[in-house]
């Protein structure tokens, strides 16, 4: 039984490291080029009334997303050894913060900057890796809370974002800024939550996942 448990743990870590690698590949192969496109579109839509002709709008939105989730991740280490009330506060701050993030991703799945089905498929696959690892990270930090309610809150947030996207088409500049914010969040969460740390990660599965998904994206684009 002990050997079986060890094998299951090792297999899970290998899979998570491979998924983290795939998410990293998405950032470099697909996300960064999309940021360049979003910047051009934002400037075209806002150059007449935005400071600096809108050249920094998407980058500032990315920075805001990066810093927001960096700060959100920093809540837990200070609270984990505190009392129950502080732990509950840290849990709800994180679950609602990541829930809003996941809702935005769900919205952008419907109201993407591109209507190309292939690009949307890549986005959906990559975000599936992302959701898997975000969920795993939250479960490690808040195992009881996450299993009891957290995972259902995140799932509901994703569906809510998708539903809002079906009903509401916000102006293109707002959608572009949301895309920039989410992109900054993806980079931040990838670095903080998803990158394997020490013995928790596996180098070979991580690199295999990154290289394999990078090749897949380049071949299919």
N, C-alpha and C. Protein backbone atom coordinates (compact mmCIF):
# COMPACT_ATOMS: atom_id res chain seq x y z
N UNK A 1 0.83 -1.20 0.00
CA UNK A 1 0.00 0.00 0.00
C UNK A 1 0.87 1.26 0.00
N UNK A 2 2.00 1.18 0.77
CA UNK A 2 2.89 2.33 0.80
C UNK A 2 3.51 2.60 -0.55
N UNK A 3 3.89 1.53 -1.28
CA UNK A 3 4.48 1.71 -2.61
C UNK A 3 3.45 2.29 -3.57
N UNK A 4 2.19 1.83 -3.45
CA UNK A 4 1.13 2.32 -4.33
C UNK A 4 0.89 3.80 -4.09
N UNK A 5 0.86 4.21 -2.81
CA UNK A 5 0.65 5.61 -2.47
C UNK A 5 1.79 6.48 -3.02
N UNK A 6 3.03 5.97 -2.90
CA UNK A 6 4.18 6.71 -3.43
C UNK A 6 4.09 6.85 -4.94
N UNK A 7 3.66 5.77 -5.61
CA UNK A 7 3.53 5.81 -7.07
C UNK A 7 2.47 6.82 -7.49
N UNK A 8 1.34 6.85 -6.77
CA UNK A 8 0.28 7.79 -7.09
C UNK A 8 0.76 9.23 -6.90
N UNK A 9 1.50 9.47 -5.79
CA UNK A 9 2.01 10.81 -5.54
C UNK A 9 3.00 11.24 -6.61
N UNK A 10 3.90 10.31 -6.97
CA UNK A 10 4.88 10.62 -8.00
C UNK A 10 4.21 10.90 -9.34
N UNK A 11 3.20 10.07 -9.68
CA UNK A 11 2.47 10.28 -10.94
C UNK A 11 1.76 11.61 -10.97
N UNK A 12 1.17 12.01 -9.84
CA UNK A 12 0.48 13.30 -9.77
C UNK A 12 1.46 14.45 -9.94
N UNK A 13 2.61 14.34 -9.29
CA UNK A 13 3.61 15.40 -9.42
C UNK A 13 4.14 15.50 -10.84
N UNK A 14 4.35 14.35 -11.47
CA UNK A 14 4.80 14.37 -12.86
C UNK A 14 3.77 15.05 -13.76
N UNK A 15 2.49 14.71 -13.56
CA UNK A 15 1.43 15.29 -14.38
C UNK A 15 1.32 16.80 -14.15
N UNK A 16 1.42 17.21 -12.88
CA UNK A 16 1.33 18.64 -12.58
C UNK A 16 2.50 19.41 -13.15
N UNK A 17 3.70 18.82 -13.09
CA UNK A 17 4.87 19.48 -13.65
C UNK A 17 4.74 19.60 -15.17
N UNK A 18 4.22 18.55 -15.82
CA UNK A 18 4.01 18.61 -17.27
C UNK A 18 2.97 19.67 -17.62
N UNK A 19 1.90 19.75 -16.83
CA UNK A 19 0.88 20.77 -17.08
C UNK A 19 1.45 22.16 -16.88
N UNK A 20 2.32 22.33 -15.86
CA UNK A 20 2.97 23.63 -15.65
C UNK A 20 3.83 24.00 -16.83
N UNK A 21 4.56 23.02 -17.37
CA UNK A 21 5.37 23.27 -18.56
C UNK A 21 4.52 23.70 -19.74
N UNK A 22 3.38 23.04 -19.92
CA UNK A 22 2.48 23.43 -21.01
C UNK A 22 1.97 24.84 -20.85
N UNK A 23 1.68 25.24 -19.61
CA UNK A 23 1.21 26.61 -19.38
C UNK A 23 2.31 27.63 -19.67
N UNK A 24 3.54 27.30 -19.29
CA UNK A 24 4.67 28.18 -19.59
C UNK A 24 4.84 28.32 -21.11
N UNK A 25 4.72 27.22 -21.84
CA UNK A 25 4.85 27.27 -23.29
C UNK A 25 3.79 28.18 -23.90
N UNK A 26 2.57 28.14 -23.37
CA UNK A 26 1.50 28.99 -23.88
C UNK A 26 1.85 30.47 -23.71
N UNK A 27 2.46 30.80 -22.56
CA UNK A 27 2.84 32.19 -22.31
C UNK A 27 3.79 32.69 -23.39
N UNK A 28 4.83 31.91 -23.70
CA UNK A 28 5.87 32.37 -24.63
C UNK A 28 5.47 32.24 -26.09
N UNK A 29 4.75 31.18 -26.43
CA UNK A 29 4.45 30.92 -27.84
C UNK A 29 3.20 31.64 -28.32
N UNK A 30 2.20 31.75 -27.46
CA UNK A 30 0.92 32.29 -27.90
C UNK A 30 0.54 33.59 -27.22
N UNK A 31 0.73 33.67 -25.91
CA UNK A 31 0.24 34.83 -25.17
C UNK A 31 0.99 36.11 -25.52
N UNK A 32 2.32 36.07 -25.55
CA UNK A 32 3.09 37.29 -25.83
C UNK A 32 2.80 37.86 -27.22
N UNK A 33 2.71 37.04 -28.29
CA UNK A 33 2.30 37.60 -29.58
C UNK A 33 0.90 38.21 -29.56
N UNK A 34 -0.02 37.60 -28.77
CA UNK A 34 -1.37 38.16 -28.67
C UNK A 34 -1.35 39.51 -27.95
N UNK A 35 -0.43 39.68 -27.02
CA UNK A 35 -0.30 40.97 -26.33
C UNK A 35 0.10 42.05 -27.33
N UNK A 36 1.00 41.73 -28.24
CA UNK A 36 1.41 42.70 -29.26
C UNK A 36 0.22 43.10 -30.12
N UNK A 37 -0.58 42.13 -30.51
CA UNK A 37 -1.78 42.42 -31.31
C UNK A 37 -2.76 43.27 -30.52
N UNK A 38 -2.96 42.93 -29.24
CA UNK A 38 -3.88 43.69 -28.40
C UNK A 38 -3.44 45.13 -28.24
N UNK A 39 -2.13 45.35 -28.13
CA UNK A 39 -1.61 46.71 -28.00
C UNK A 39 -1.92 47.54 -29.24
N UNK A 40 -1.75 46.95 -30.41
CA UNK A 40 -2.05 47.66 -31.67
C UNK A 40 -3.54 47.99 -31.74
N UNK A 41 -4.38 47.03 -31.41
CA UNK A 41 -5.83 47.25 -31.46
C UNK A 41 -6.26 48.33 -30.47
N UNK A 42 -5.66 48.32 -29.29
CA UNK A 42 -6.03 49.31 -28.28
C UNK A 42 -5.62 50.71 -28.72
N UNK A 43 -4.45 50.84 -29.29
CA UNK A 43 -4.01 52.15 -29.77
C UNK A 43 -4.93 52.65 -30.88
N UNK A 44 -5.35 51.78 -31.77
CA UNK A 44 -6.24 52.18 -32.86
C UNK A 44 -7.58 52.68 -32.32
N UNK A 45 -8.04 52.05 -31.23
CA UNK A 45 -9.36 52.39 -30.69
C UNK A 45 -9.34 53.58 -29.75
N UNK A 46 -8.18 53.92 -29.16
CA UNK A 46 -8.17 54.92 -28.09
C UNK A 46 -7.16 56.05 -28.29
N UNK A 47 -6.44 56.07 -29.41
CA UNK A 47 -5.36 57.04 -29.56
C UNK A 47 -5.85 58.49 -29.50
N UNK A 48 -7.13 58.70 -29.82
CA UNK A 48 -7.64 60.07 -29.87
C UNK A 48 -7.88 60.67 -28.49
N UNK A 49 -8.07 59.86 -27.46
CA UNK A 49 -8.42 60.41 -26.15
C UNK A 49 -7.60 59.85 -24.99
N UNK A 50 -6.76 58.84 -25.21
CA UNK A 50 -5.95 58.29 -24.13
C UNK A 50 -4.59 58.98 -24.03
N UNK A 51 -4.06 59.14 -22.83
CA UNK A 51 -2.71 59.71 -22.69
C UNK A 51 -1.69 58.86 -23.45
N UNK A 52 -0.71 59.52 -24.03
CA UNK A 52 0.33 58.85 -24.82
C UNK A 52 -0.26 58.02 -25.96
N UNK A 53 -1.45 58.43 -26.44
CA UNK A 53 -2.14 57.76 -27.54
C UNK A 53 -2.42 56.29 -27.25
N UNK A 54 -2.56 55.96 -25.98
CA UNK A 54 -2.93 54.59 -25.61
C UNK A 54 -1.82 53.58 -25.71
N UNK A 55 -0.59 54.03 -25.92
CA UNK A 55 0.50 53.08 -26.16
C UNK A 55 0.80 52.21 -24.94
N UNK A 56 0.53 52.75 -23.73
CA UNK A 56 0.87 52.01 -22.52
C UNK A 56 -0.33 51.33 -21.88
N UNK A 57 -1.51 51.43 -22.48
CA UNK A 57 -2.73 50.93 -21.84
C UNK A 57 -2.68 49.44 -21.53
N UNK A 58 -2.36 48.63 -22.52
CA UNK A 58 -2.36 47.18 -22.32
C UNK A 58 -1.24 46.77 -21.37
N UNK A 59 -0.08 47.42 -21.49
CA UNK A 59 1.03 47.08 -20.61
C UNK A 59 0.72 47.42 -19.15
N UNK A 60 0.03 48.54 -18.93
CA UNK A 60 -0.37 48.90 -17.57
C UNK A 60 -1.40 47.91 -17.03
N UNK A 61 -2.31 47.47 -17.88
CA UNK A 61 -3.29 46.47 -17.45
C UNK A 61 -2.59 45.16 -17.09
N UNK A 62 -1.58 44.77 -17.87
CA UNK A 62 -0.80 43.57 -17.55
C UNK A 62 -0.09 43.73 -16.21
N UNK A 63 0.50 44.89 -16.00
CA UNK A 63 1.21 45.15 -14.74
C UNK A 63 0.24 45.08 -13.56
N UNK A 64 -0.96 45.65 -13.74
CA UNK A 64 -1.97 45.60 -12.68
C UNK A 64 -2.36 44.16 -12.37
N UNK A 65 -2.53 43.33 -13.41
CA UNK A 65 -2.86 41.93 -13.19
C UNK A 65 -1.75 41.19 -12.49
N UNK A 66 -0.51 41.43 -12.92
CA UNK A 66 0.64 40.76 -12.31
C UNK A 66 0.74 41.10 -10.83
N UNK A 67 0.67 42.41 -10.51
CA UNK A 67 0.83 42.84 -9.14
C UNK A 67 -0.34 42.38 -8.26
N UNK A 68 -1.55 42.36 -8.83
CA UNK A 68 -2.72 41.94 -8.06
C UNK A 68 -2.58 40.51 -7.57
N UNK A 69 -2.15 39.62 -8.46
CA UNK A 69 -2.06 38.21 -8.07
C UNK A 69 -0.78 37.91 -7.31
N UNK A 70 0.23 38.74 -7.48
CA UNK A 70 1.41 38.62 -6.62
C UNK A 70 1.02 38.96 -5.19
N UNK A 71 0.25 40.04 -5.01
CA UNK A 71 -0.20 40.43 -3.67
C UNK A 71 -1.15 39.38 -3.10
N UNK A 72 -2.02 38.82 -3.95
CA UNK A 72 -2.97 37.82 -3.48
C UNK A 72 -2.25 36.57 -2.98
N UNK A 73 -1.21 36.16 -3.69
CA UNK A 73 -0.43 34.99 -3.28
C UNK A 73 0.31 35.26 -1.98
N UNK A 74 0.66 36.51 -1.71
CA UNK A 74 1.39 36.84 -0.51
C UNK A 74 0.56 36.84 0.75
N UNK A 75 -0.76 36.70 0.62
CA UNK A 75 -1.62 36.69 1.79
C UNK A 75 -1.38 35.45 2.64
N UNK A 76 -1.22 34.31 1.99
CA UNK A 76 -1.23 33.03 2.70
C UNK A 76 -0.05 32.81 3.62
N UNK A 77 1.21 33.04 3.20
CA UNK A 77 2.31 32.75 4.10
C UNK A 77 2.23 33.47 5.44
N UNK A 78 1.67 34.68 5.43
CA UNK A 78 1.57 35.42 6.68
C UNK A 78 0.43 34.93 7.56
N UNK A 79 -0.52 34.19 6.94
CA UNK A 79 -1.72 33.81 7.67
C UNK A 79 -1.78 32.34 8.06
N UNK A 80 -0.97 31.49 7.45
CA UNK A 80 -1.15 30.05 7.63
C UNK A 80 -0.98 29.61 9.07
N UNK A 81 -0.09 30.26 9.82
CA UNK A 81 0.15 29.86 11.20
C UNK A 81 -0.66 30.68 12.19
N UNK A 82 -1.59 31.46 11.68
CA UNK A 82 -2.41 32.29 12.55
C UNK A 82 -3.65 31.52 13.00
N UNK A 83 -4.54 32.24 13.66
CA UNK A 83 -5.74 31.61 14.17
C UNK A 83 -6.72 31.25 13.07
N UNK A 84 -7.82 30.58 13.48
CA UNK A 84 -8.81 30.10 12.53
C UNK A 84 -9.46 31.24 11.76
N UNK A 85 -9.75 32.33 12.46
CA UNK A 85 -10.39 33.47 11.79
C UNK A 85 -9.50 34.04 10.70
N UNK A 86 -8.20 34.15 10.98
CA UNK A 86 -7.27 34.67 9.98
C UNK A 86 -7.13 33.72 8.80
N UNK A 87 -7.13 32.42 9.09
CA UNK A 87 -7.05 31.43 8.02
C UNK A 87 -8.29 31.48 7.13
N UNK A 88 -9.46 31.64 7.75
CA UNK A 88 -10.69 31.76 6.97
C UNK A 88 -10.67 33.01 6.09
N UNK A 89 -10.16 34.11 6.65
CA UNK A 89 -10.07 35.36 5.88
C UNK A 89 -9.13 35.19 4.70
N UNK A 90 -7.99 34.53 4.94
CA UNK A 90 -7.04 34.30 3.85
C UNK A 90 -7.65 33.41 2.77
N UNK A 91 -8.39 32.39 3.20
CA UNK A 91 -9.02 31.49 2.23
C UNK A 91 -10.01 32.24 1.35
N UNK A 92 -10.89 33.02 1.98
CA UNK A 92 -11.92 33.71 1.20
C UNK A 92 -11.33 34.81 0.33
N UNK A 93 -10.28 35.46 0.81
CA UNK A 93 -9.62 36.46 -0.03
C UNK A 93 -9.05 35.81 -1.28
N UNK A 94 -8.41 34.66 -1.11
CA UNK A 94 -7.81 33.98 -2.26
C UNK A 94 -8.87 33.38 -3.17
N UNK A 95 -9.85 32.72 -2.61
CA UNK A 95 -10.83 32.02 -3.44
C UNK A 95 -11.66 33.02 -4.24
N UNK A 96 -11.99 34.17 -3.64
CA UNK A 96 -12.75 35.18 -4.38
C UNK A 96 -11.87 35.90 -5.40
N UNK A 97 -10.59 36.13 -5.02
CA UNK A 97 -9.68 36.75 -5.98
C UNK A 97 -9.46 35.87 -7.20
N UNK A 98 -9.15 34.61 -6.97
CA UNK A 98 -8.96 33.69 -8.09
C UNK A 98 -10.28 33.40 -8.80
N UNK A 99 -11.39 33.47 -8.05
CA UNK A 99 -12.69 33.28 -8.69
C UNK A 99 -12.99 34.38 -9.69
N UNK A 100 -12.68 35.64 -9.31
CA UNK A 100 -12.86 36.74 -10.26
C UNK A 100 -11.97 36.59 -11.48
N UNK A 101 -10.76 36.14 -11.24
CA UNK A 101 -9.79 35.89 -12.32
C UNK A 101 -10.32 34.83 -13.28
N UNK A 102 -10.84 33.75 -12.74
CA UNK A 102 -11.37 32.67 -13.56
C UNK A 102 -12.63 33.12 -14.30
N UNK A 103 -13.43 33.97 -13.65
CA UNK A 103 -14.62 34.50 -14.34
C UNK A 103 -14.22 35.35 -15.55
N UNK A 104 -13.16 36.14 -15.40
CA UNK A 104 -12.69 36.94 -16.54
C UNK A 104 -12.20 36.04 -17.67
N UNK A 105 -11.51 34.95 -17.32
CA UNK A 105 -11.05 34.01 -18.34
C UNK A 105 -12.24 33.39 -19.06
N UNK A 106 -13.29 33.04 -18.29
CA UNK A 106 -14.49 32.50 -18.91
C UNK A 106 -15.16 33.50 -19.84
N UNK A 107 -15.18 34.78 -19.44
CA UNK A 107 -15.75 35.82 -20.30
C UNK A 107 -14.96 35.95 -21.59
N UNK A 108 -13.64 35.95 -21.48
CA UNK A 108 -12.80 36.13 -22.67
C UNK A 108 -12.83 34.91 -23.58
N UNK A 109 -13.25 33.78 -23.07
CA UNK A 109 -13.43 32.62 -23.94
C UNK A 109 -14.55 32.86 -24.93
N UNK A 110 -15.55 33.66 -24.52
CA UNK A 110 -16.67 33.99 -25.40
C UNK A 110 -16.38 35.26 -26.20
N UNK A 111 -15.83 36.27 -25.53
CA UNK A 111 -15.57 37.57 -26.17
C UNK A 111 -14.09 37.74 -26.41
N UNK A 112 -13.51 36.84 -27.17
CA UNK A 112 -12.08 36.89 -27.44
C UNK A 112 -11.76 38.01 -28.41
N UNK A 113 -10.47 38.37 -28.48
CA UNK A 113 -10.02 39.37 -29.45
C UNK A 113 -10.05 38.80 -30.86
N UNK A 114 -10.07 37.49 -30.97
CA UNK A 114 -10.13 36.84 -32.27
C UNK A 114 -11.28 35.85 -32.28
N UNK A 115 -11.92 35.73 -33.44
CA UNK A 115 -13.02 34.79 -33.58
C UNK A 115 -12.58 33.48 -34.22
N UNK A 116 -11.28 33.30 -34.39
CA UNK A 116 -10.77 32.09 -35.01
C UNK A 116 -10.94 30.93 -34.06
N UNK A 117 -11.65 29.89 -34.48
CA UNK A 117 -11.95 28.76 -33.62
C UNK A 117 -10.69 28.07 -33.13
N UNK A 118 -9.67 28.00 -33.98
CA UNK A 118 -8.43 27.32 -33.61
C UNK A 118 -7.75 28.04 -32.45
N UNK A 119 -7.72 29.37 -32.49
CA UNK A 119 -7.12 30.14 -31.40
C UNK A 119 -7.90 29.96 -30.11
N UNK A 120 -9.22 29.94 -30.21
CA UNK A 120 -10.04 29.72 -29.03
C UNK A 120 -9.80 28.33 -28.43
N UNK A 121 -9.58 27.34 -29.29
CA UNK A 121 -9.29 25.99 -28.81
C UNK A 121 -7.98 25.96 -28.04
N UNK A 122 -6.94 26.61 -28.58
CA UNK A 122 -5.66 26.67 -27.87
C UNK A 122 -5.83 27.38 -26.53
N UNK A 123 -6.60 28.46 -26.53
CA UNK A 123 -6.86 29.21 -25.30
C UNK A 123 -7.53 28.32 -24.27
N UNK A 124 -8.55 27.57 -24.70
CA UNK A 124 -9.28 26.71 -23.78
C UNK A 124 -8.39 25.61 -23.21
N UNK A 125 -7.57 24.99 -24.06
CA UNK A 125 -6.67 23.94 -23.59
C UNK A 125 -5.66 24.50 -22.60
N UNK A 126 -5.07 25.63 -22.94
CA UNK A 126 -4.05 26.23 -22.07
C UNK A 126 -4.65 26.65 -20.73
N UNK A 127 -5.84 27.22 -20.75
CA UNK A 127 -6.47 27.61 -19.50
C UNK A 127 -6.90 26.41 -18.68
N UNK A 128 -7.15 25.28 -19.32
CA UNK A 128 -7.45 24.06 -18.58
C UNK A 128 -6.24 23.64 -17.75
N UNK A 129 -5.04 23.71 -18.36
CA UNK A 129 -3.82 23.47 -17.60
C UNK A 129 -3.74 24.44 -16.41
N UNK A 130 -4.03 25.68 -16.71
CA UNK A 130 -3.94 26.75 -15.71
C UNK A 130 -4.89 26.49 -14.55
N UNK A 131 -6.15 26.16 -14.85
CA UNK A 131 -7.14 25.90 -13.82
C UNK A 131 -6.73 24.71 -12.95
N UNK A 132 -6.22 23.67 -13.59
CA UNK A 132 -5.79 22.47 -12.87
C UNK A 132 -4.76 22.83 -11.81
N UNK A 133 -3.79 23.64 -12.18
CA UNK A 133 -2.71 23.96 -11.27
C UNK A 133 -3.10 25.00 -10.23
N UNK A 134 -3.96 25.94 -10.61
CA UNK A 134 -4.48 26.89 -9.62
C UNK A 134 -5.25 26.13 -8.55
N UNK A 135 -6.10 25.21 -9.00
CA UNK A 135 -6.87 24.40 -8.05
C UNK A 135 -5.97 23.58 -7.14
N UNK A 136 -4.93 22.98 -7.71
CA UNK A 136 -4.01 22.19 -6.91
C UNK A 136 -3.29 23.06 -5.88
N UNK A 137 -2.85 24.25 -6.31
CA UNK A 137 -2.17 25.15 -5.38
C UNK A 137 -3.06 25.58 -4.23
N UNK A 138 -4.33 25.90 -4.53
CA UNK A 138 -5.26 26.31 -3.48
C UNK A 138 -5.59 25.14 -2.56
N UNK A 139 -5.68 23.96 -3.13
CA UNK A 139 -5.99 22.79 -2.30
C UNK A 139 -4.85 22.49 -1.33
N UNK A 140 -3.60 22.71 -1.76
CA UNK A 140 -2.47 22.50 -0.85
C UNK A 140 -2.49 23.50 0.30
N UNK A 141 -2.92 24.73 0.02
CA UNK A 141 -2.94 25.76 1.04
C UNK A 141 -4.14 25.66 1.97
N UNK A 142 -5.29 25.28 1.39
CA UNK A 142 -6.54 25.24 2.16
C UNK A 142 -7.27 23.91 1.88
N UNK A 143 -6.72 22.75 2.29
CA UNK A 143 -7.27 21.46 1.87
C UNK A 143 -8.73 21.25 2.26
N UNK A 144 -9.09 21.54 3.51
CA UNK A 144 -10.46 21.29 3.95
C UNK A 144 -11.43 22.28 3.32
N UNK A 145 -11.09 23.56 3.36
CA UNK A 145 -11.96 24.58 2.79
C UNK A 145 -12.14 24.37 1.28
N UNK A 146 -11.04 24.04 0.61
CA UNK A 146 -11.12 23.91 -0.85
C UNK A 146 -12.00 22.74 -1.24
N UNK A 147 -11.83 21.58 -0.60
CA UNK A 147 -12.63 20.42 -0.95
C UNK A 147 -14.10 20.62 -0.60
N UNK A 148 -14.37 21.34 0.48
CA UNK A 148 -15.75 21.50 0.91
C UNK A 148 -16.50 22.53 0.07
N UNK A 149 -15.85 23.65 -0.24
CA UNK A 149 -16.58 24.71 -0.94
C UNK A 149 -15.77 25.41 -2.03
N UNK A 150 -14.45 25.49 -1.86
CA UNK A 150 -13.65 26.30 -2.77
C UNK A 150 -13.75 25.88 -4.22
N UNK A 151 -13.67 24.58 -4.48
CA UNK A 151 -13.69 24.12 -5.88
C UNK A 151 -15.02 24.43 -6.55
N UNK A 152 -16.10 24.41 -5.77
CA UNK A 152 -17.42 24.71 -6.34
C UNK A 152 -17.55 26.21 -6.63
N UNK A 153 -16.94 27.03 -5.78
CA UNK A 153 -16.96 28.48 -6.03
C UNK A 153 -16.21 28.80 -7.32
N UNK A 154 -15.04 28.18 -7.51
CA UNK A 154 -14.26 28.43 -8.73
C UNK A 154 -15.01 27.96 -9.97
N UNK A 155 -15.64 26.78 -9.89
CA UNK A 155 -16.40 26.28 -11.04
C UNK A 155 -17.57 27.20 -11.36
N UNK A 156 -18.26 27.69 -10.32
CA UNK A 156 -19.38 28.61 -10.53
C UNK A 156 -18.91 29.92 -11.14
N UNK A 157 -17.74 30.39 -10.72
CA UNK A 157 -17.20 31.64 -11.28
C UNK A 157 -16.89 31.49 -12.76
N UNK A 158 -16.35 30.35 -13.15
CA UNK A 158 -16.06 30.11 -14.56
C UNK A 158 -17.34 30.13 -15.39
N UNK A 159 -18.36 29.43 -14.90
CA UNK A 159 -19.64 29.41 -15.61
C UNK A 159 -20.27 30.80 -15.64
N UNK A 160 -20.14 31.54 -14.54
CA UNK A 160 -20.70 32.90 -14.49
C UNK A 160 -20.03 33.79 -15.53
N UNK A 161 -18.70 33.73 -15.62
CA UNK A 161 -17.99 34.53 -16.62
C UNK A 161 -18.41 34.18 -18.03
N UNK A 162 -18.54 32.89 -18.30
CA UNK A 162 -19.00 32.45 -19.63
C UNK A 162 -20.41 32.98 -19.91
N UNK A 163 -21.29 32.90 -18.91
CA UNK A 163 -22.68 33.34 -19.08
C UNK A 163 -22.75 34.83 -19.35
N UNK A 164 -21.96 35.62 -18.61
CA UNK A 164 -21.92 37.07 -18.85
C UNK A 164 -21.40 37.35 -20.25
N UNK A 165 -20.42 36.58 -20.71
CA UNK A 165 -19.89 36.76 -22.05
C UNK A 165 -20.94 36.49 -23.12
N UNK A 166 -21.79 35.53 -22.88
CA UNK A 166 -22.86 35.23 -23.84
C UNK A 166 -23.86 36.38 -23.91
N UNK A 167 -24.13 37.01 -22.77
CA UNK A 167 -25.17 38.04 -22.71
C UNK A 167 -24.67 39.45 -23.02
N UNK A 168 -23.44 39.76 -22.64
CA UNK A 168 -22.96 41.14 -22.69
C UNK A 168 -21.70 41.23 -23.54
N UNK A 169 -21.71 42.15 -24.48
CA UNK A 169 -20.54 42.43 -25.32
C UNK A 169 -20.02 43.81 -24.95
N UNK A 170 -19.03 43.86 -24.10
CA UNK A 170 -18.48 45.14 -23.68
C UNK A 170 -17.69 45.79 -24.80
N UNK A 171 -17.52 47.12 -24.75
CA UNK A 171 -16.74 47.80 -25.80
C UNK A 171 -15.36 47.19 -25.95
N UNK A 172 -14.85 47.20 -27.18
CA UNK A 172 -13.59 46.54 -27.48
C UNK A 172 -12.43 47.04 -26.62
N UNK A 173 -12.29 48.37 -26.37
CA UNK A 173 -11.17 48.79 -25.51
C UNK A 173 -11.22 48.17 -24.12
N UNK A 174 -12.41 48.01 -23.56
CA UNK A 174 -12.53 47.39 -22.23
C UNK A 174 -12.12 45.93 -22.29
N UNK A 175 -12.57 45.23 -23.33
CA UNK A 175 -12.22 43.81 -23.50
C UNK A 175 -10.69 43.66 -23.63
N UNK A 176 -10.07 44.59 -24.36
CA UNK A 176 -8.62 44.53 -24.53
C UNK A 176 -7.90 44.73 -23.20
N UNK A 177 -8.40 45.68 -22.40
CA UNK A 177 -7.79 45.90 -21.09
C UNK A 177 -7.99 44.69 -20.18
N UNK A 178 -9.16 44.08 -20.25
CA UNK A 178 -9.39 42.86 -19.47
C UNK A 178 -8.44 41.75 -19.91
N UNK A 179 -8.21 41.67 -21.21
CA UNK A 179 -7.27 40.68 -21.73
C UNK A 179 -5.86 40.95 -21.19
N UNK A 180 -5.47 42.23 -21.16
CA UNK A 180 -4.17 42.59 -20.61
C UNK A 180 -4.07 42.24 -19.13
N UNK A 181 -5.13 42.53 -18.38
CA UNK A 181 -5.14 42.22 -16.94
C UNK A 181 -5.01 40.72 -16.71
N UNK A 182 -5.81 39.94 -17.45
CA UNK A 182 -5.75 38.48 -17.32
C UNK A 182 -4.38 37.95 -17.74
N UNK A 183 -3.81 38.53 -18.78
CA UNK A 183 -2.49 38.10 -19.24
C UNK A 183 -1.43 38.32 -18.16
N UNK A 184 -1.49 39.47 -17.50
CA UNK A 184 -0.59 39.70 -16.38
C UNK A 184 -0.82 38.71 -15.26
N UNK A 185 -2.08 38.35 -15.03
CA UNK A 185 -2.39 37.34 -14.03
C UNK A 185 -1.85 35.98 -14.41
N UNK A 186 -1.94 35.63 -15.69
CA UNK A 186 -1.42 34.34 -16.15
C UNK A 186 0.09 34.25 -15.89
N UNK A 187 0.81 35.32 -16.23
CA UNK A 187 2.26 35.32 -16.01
C UNK A 187 2.57 35.23 -14.52
N UNK A 188 1.84 35.99 -13.70
CA UNK A 188 2.08 35.99 -12.26
C UNK A 188 1.77 34.64 -11.64
N UNK A 189 0.60 34.11 -11.94
CA UNK A 189 0.20 32.83 -11.36
C UNK A 189 1.11 31.71 -11.84
N UNK A 190 1.53 31.77 -13.10
CA UNK A 190 2.45 30.77 -13.62
C UNK A 190 3.74 30.75 -12.82
N UNK A 191 4.26 31.92 -12.53
CA UNK A 191 5.51 31.99 -11.79
C UNK A 191 5.36 31.62 -10.32
N UNK A 192 4.24 32.01 -9.71
CA UNK A 192 4.07 31.84 -8.27
C UNK A 192 3.48 30.47 -7.91
N UNK A 193 2.44 30.07 -8.63
CA UNK A 193 1.70 28.87 -8.27
C UNK A 193 2.16 27.66 -9.06
N UNK A 194 2.45 27.83 -10.34
CA UNK A 194 2.61 26.68 -11.21
C UNK A 194 4.03 26.16 -11.33
N UNK A 195 5.03 27.05 -11.28
CA UNK A 195 6.39 26.56 -11.46
C UNK A 195 6.76 25.59 -10.35
N UNK A 196 7.28 24.43 -10.70
CA UNK A 196 7.66 23.45 -9.67
C UNK A 196 8.69 24.05 -8.73
N UNK A 197 8.56 23.69 -7.46
CA UNK A 197 9.47 24.20 -6.45
C UNK A 197 10.15 23.04 -5.74
N UNK A 198 11.49 22.99 -5.81
CA UNK A 198 12.24 21.98 -5.10
C UNK A 198 11.81 20.58 -5.48
N UNK A 199 11.63 19.73 -4.47
CA UNK A 199 11.27 18.34 -4.71
C UNK A 199 9.82 18.18 -5.13
N UNK A 200 9.01 19.26 -5.01
CA UNK A 200 7.61 19.16 -5.40
C UNK A 200 7.46 19.06 -6.91
N UNK A 201 8.44 19.54 -7.66
CA UNK A 201 8.36 19.51 -9.11
C UNK A 201 9.32 18.50 -9.70
N UNK A 202 9.07 18.13 -10.94
CA UNK A 202 9.89 17.18 -11.66
C UNK A 202 10.42 17.87 -12.91
N UNK A 203 11.73 17.96 -13.03
CA UNK A 203 12.33 18.72 -14.12
C UNK A 203 12.02 18.13 -15.48
N UNK A 204 12.18 16.82 -15.63
CA UNK A 204 12.00 16.20 -16.95
C UNK A 204 10.54 16.31 -17.42
N UNK A 205 9.54 15.97 -16.59
CA UNK A 205 8.15 16.17 -17.03
C UNK A 205 7.83 17.62 -17.34
N UNK A 206 8.38 18.54 -16.54
CA UNK A 206 8.14 19.97 -16.77
C UNK A 206 8.68 20.39 -18.14
N UNK A 207 9.91 20.01 -18.45
CA UNK A 207 10.51 20.38 -19.72
C UNK A 207 9.81 19.67 -20.87
N UNK A 208 9.43 18.41 -20.66
CA UNK A 208 8.72 17.68 -21.71
C UNK A 208 7.37 18.32 -22.00
N UNK A 209 6.66 18.73 -20.94
CA UNK A 209 5.38 19.40 -21.14
C UNK A 209 5.53 20.72 -21.86
N UNK A 210 6.56 21.49 -21.49
CA UNK A 210 6.79 22.79 -22.13
C UNK A 210 7.15 22.63 -23.60
N UNK A 211 8.12 21.76 -23.89
CA UNK A 211 8.57 21.57 -25.27
C UNK A 211 7.48 20.92 -26.12
N UNK A 212 6.80 19.94 -25.55
CA UNK A 212 5.76 19.25 -26.31
C UNK A 212 4.61 20.17 -26.69
N UNK A 213 4.15 20.97 -25.72
CA UNK A 213 3.03 21.87 -26.01
C UNK A 213 3.46 23.02 -26.91
N UNK A 214 4.73 23.46 -26.76
CA UNK A 214 5.24 24.51 -27.65
C UNK A 214 5.26 24.02 -29.10
N UNK A 215 5.71 22.79 -29.32
CA UNK A 215 5.72 22.22 -30.67
C UNK A 215 4.29 22.10 -31.20
N UNK A 216 3.38 21.66 -30.34
CA UNK A 216 1.97 21.53 -30.74
C UNK A 216 1.41 22.88 -31.17
N UNK A 217 1.68 23.93 -30.39
CA UNK A 217 1.16 25.25 -30.73
C UNK A 217 1.73 25.77 -32.04
N UNK A 218 3.04 25.57 -32.24
CA UNK A 218 3.68 26.08 -33.45
C UNK A 218 3.21 25.33 -34.68
N UNK A 219 3.00 24.02 -34.56
CA UNK A 219 2.56 23.23 -35.72
C UNK A 219 1.12 23.59 -36.10
N UNK A 220 0.29 23.81 -35.09
CA UNK A 220 -1.14 24.00 -35.33
C UNK A 220 -1.54 25.45 -35.60
N UNK A 221 -0.65 26.39 -35.34
CA UNK A 221 -0.99 27.80 -35.57
C UNK A 221 -1.13 28.08 -37.06
